[in-house]
Amino acid sequence: MFGLGPGEMLMALVAILLLFGAKRIPEIAGSFGKGIREFKKNMTDVQKEIEAPDIRPVDRLPSNGDRVERGSDDDRPEPKKLI
């Protein structure tokens, strides 16, 4: 794993233990696990959305003679502002 031997891995674990303390390490590992689980869940949701086509029934398509009514500019919501 990344060319690290057992000695280097042990040194890294000791450094992490000294930096964060014994009480904080399980909290960090738990939040890291939750983050990975949420990432995987979102990836499978996106994959399912890509694979399953969005098929909506169409009652009737407008022909050339039909007028398509559009809402006025006043009906549109205000765009969200970033910061």
C-alpha atoms as a PDB file:
ATOM      1  CA  MET A   1       0.000   0.000   0.000  1.00  0.00           C
ATOM      2  CA  PHE A   2       1.836   3.096  -1.299  1.00  0.00           C
ATOM      3  CA  GLY A   3       5.176   1.409  -0.636  1.00  0.00           C
ATOM      4  CA  LEU A   4       4.804   1.757   3.135  1.00  0.00           C
ATOM      5  CA  GLY A   5       6.276  -0.948   5.288  1.00  0.00           C
ATOM      6  CA  PRO A   6       5.020  -2.003   8.704  1.00  0.00           C
ATOM      7  CA  GLY A   7       7.437   0.385  10.445  1.00  0.00           C
ATOM      8  CA  GLU A   8       6.215   3.432   8.524  1.00  0.00           C
ATOM      9  CA  MET A   9       2.591   2.497   9.106  1.00  0.00           C
ATOM     10  CA  LEU A  10       3.230   2.102  12.840  1.00  0.00           C
ATOM     11  CA  MET A  11       4.921   5.516  12.964  1.00  0.00           C
ATOM     12  CA  ALA A  12       1.963   7.081  11.150  1.00  0.00           C
ATOM     13  CA  LEU A  13      -0.517   5.494  13.584  1.00  0.00           C
ATOM     14  CA  VAL A  14       1.491   6.730  16.570  1.00  0.00           C
ATOM     15  CA  ALA A  15       1.619  10.246  15.091  1.00  0.00           C
ATOM     16  CA  ILE A  16      -2.160  10.209  14.520  1.00  0.00           C
ATOM     17  CA  LEU A  17      -2.708   8.985  18.081  1.00  0.00           C
ATOM     18  CA  LEU A  18      -0.530  11.779  19.467  1.00  0.00           C
ATOM     19  CA  LEU A  19      -2.197  14.461  17.318  1.00  0.00           C
ATOM     20  CA  PHE A  20      -5.837  13.576  17.937  1.00  0.00           C
ATOM     21  CA  GLY A  21      -5.859  11.565  21.162  1.00  0.00           C
ATOM     22  CA  ALA A  22      -7.450   8.213  21.920  1.00  0.00           C
ATOM     23  CA  LYS A  23     -10.947   9.625  22.497  1.00  0.00           C
ATOM     24  CA  ARG A  24     -11.146  11.531  19.221  1.00  0.00           C
ATOM     25  CA  ILE A  25      -9.972   8.762  16.847  1.00  0.00           C
ATOM     26  CA  PRO A  26     -13.237   6.684  16.975  1.00  0.00           C
ATOM     27  CA  GLU A  27     -15.261   9.842  16.257  1.00  0.00           C
ATOM     28  CA  ILE A  28     -13.076  10.669  13.262  1.00  0.00           C
ATOM     29  CA  ALA A  29     -13.275   7.096  11.953  1.00  0.00           C
ATOM     30  CA  GLY A  30     -17.066   7.051  12.388  1.00  0.00           C
ATOM     31  CA  SER A  31     -17.575  10.297  10.514  1.00  0.00           C
ATOM     32  CA  PHE A  32     -15.188   9.108   7.800  1.00  0.00           C
ATOM     33  CA  GLY A  33     -17.221   5.895   7.453  1.00  0.00           C
ATOM     34  CA  LYS A  34     -20.487   7.838   7.259  1.00  0.00           C
ATOM     35  CA  GLY A  35     -19.017  10.054   4.555  1.00  0.00           C
ATOM     36  CA  ILE A  36     -17.907   7.071   2.475  1.00  0.00           C
ATOM     37  CA  ARG A  37     -21.308   5.394   2.907  1.00  0.00           C
ATOM     38  CA  GLU A  38     -23.152   8.570   1.837  1.00  0.00           C
ATOM     39  CA  PHE A  39     -20.834   8.943  -1.178  1.00  0.00           C
ATOM     40  CA  LYS A  40     -21.496   5.350  -2.286  1.00  0.00           C
ATOM     41  CA  LYS A  41     -25.253   5.822  -1.827  1.00  0.00           C
ATOM     42  CA  ASN A  42     -25.225   8.942  -3.972  1.00  0.00           C
ATOM     43  CA  MET A  43     -23.135   7.214  -6.634  1.00  0.00           C
ATOM     44  CA  THR A  44     -25.621   4.327  -6.873  1.00  0.00           C
ATOM     45  CA  ASP A  45     -28.525   6.798  -7.035  1.00  0.00           C
ATOM     46  CA  VAL A  46     -26.857   8.644  -9.905  1.00  0.00           C
ATOM     47  CA  GLN A  47     -26.061   5.364 -11.668  1.00  0.00           C
ATOM     48  CA  LYS A  48     -29.697   4.235 -11.387  1.00  0.00           C
ATOM     49  CA  GLU A  49     -30.868   7.598 -12.691  1.00  0.00           C
ATOM     50  CA  ILE A  50     -28.542   7.320 -15.695  1.00  0.00           C
ATOM     51  CA  GLU A  51     -29.540   3.743 -16.493  1.00  0.00           C
ATOM     52  CA  ALA A  52     -33.309   4.180 -16.069  1.00  0.00           C
ATOM     53  CA  PRO A  53     -34.720   6.438 -18.777  1.00  0.00           C
ATOM     54  CA  ASP A  54     -37.195   9.075 -17.714  1.00  0.00           C
ATOM     55  CA  ILE A  55     -40.293   8.111 -19.684  1.00  0.00           C
ATOM     56  CA  ARG A  56     -43.270  10.404 -19.262  1.00  0.00           C
ATOM     57  CA  PRO A  57     -46.505   9.868 -21.162  1.00  0.00           C
ATOM     58  CA  VAL A  58     -47.347  12.637 -23.588  1.00  0.00           C
ATOM     59  CA  ASP A  59     -51.069  13.237 -24.091  1.00  0.00           C
ATOM     60  CA  ARG A  60     -50.806  15.283 -27.239  1.00  0.00           C
ATOM     61  CA  LEU A  61     -48.015  17.134 -28.918  1.00  0.00           C
ATOM     62  CA  PRO A  62     -48.853  20.640 -30.160  1.00  0.00           C
ATOM     63  CA  SER A  63     -49.293  20.872 -33.904  1.00  0.00           C
ATOM     64  CA  ASN A  64     -48.247  23.828 -36.041  1.00  0.00           C
ATOM     65  CA  GLY A  65     -51.682  25.491 -35.691  1.00  0.00           C
ATOM     66  CA  ASP A  66     -51.775  25.249 -31.889  1.00  0.00           C
ATOM     67  CA  ARG A  67     -50.659  28.185 -29.831  1.00  0.00           C
ATOM     68  CA  VAL A  68     -48.394  27.422 -26.963  1.00  0.00           C
ATOM     69  CA  GLU A  69     -49.114  29.788 -24.129  1.00  0.00           C
ATOM     70  CA  ARG A  70     -46.185  31.047 -22.161  1.00  0.00           C
ATOM     71  CA  GLY A  71     -46.250  32.626 -18.756  1.00  0.00           C
ATOM     72  CA  SER A  72     -45.277  36.225 -18.355  1.00  0.00           C
ATOM     73  CA  ASP A  73     -41.924  37.242 -16.977  1.00  0.00           C
ATOM     74  CA  ASP A  74     -43.684  38.208 -13.741  1.00  0.00           C
ATOM     75  CA  ASP A  75     -44.599  34.545 -13.139  1.00  0.00           C
ATOM     76  CA  ARG A  76     -40.987  33.425 -13.080  1.00  0.00           C
ATOM     77  CA  PRO A  77     -39.319  33.010  -9.698  1.00  0.00           C
ATOM     78  CA  GLU A  78     -36.442  35.291  -8.804  1.00  0.00           C
ATOM     79  CA  PRO A  79     -33.099  33.576  -9.483  1.00  0.00           C
ATOM     80  CA  LYS A  80     -31.095  32.590  -6.414  1.00  0.00           C
ATOM     81  CA  LYS A  81     -28.146  34.783  -5.632  1.00  0.00           C
ATOM     82  CA  LEU A  82     -24.823  33.314  -4.616  1.00  0.00           C
ATOM     83  CA  ILE A  83     -23.419  35.125  -1.619  1.00  0.00           C
END
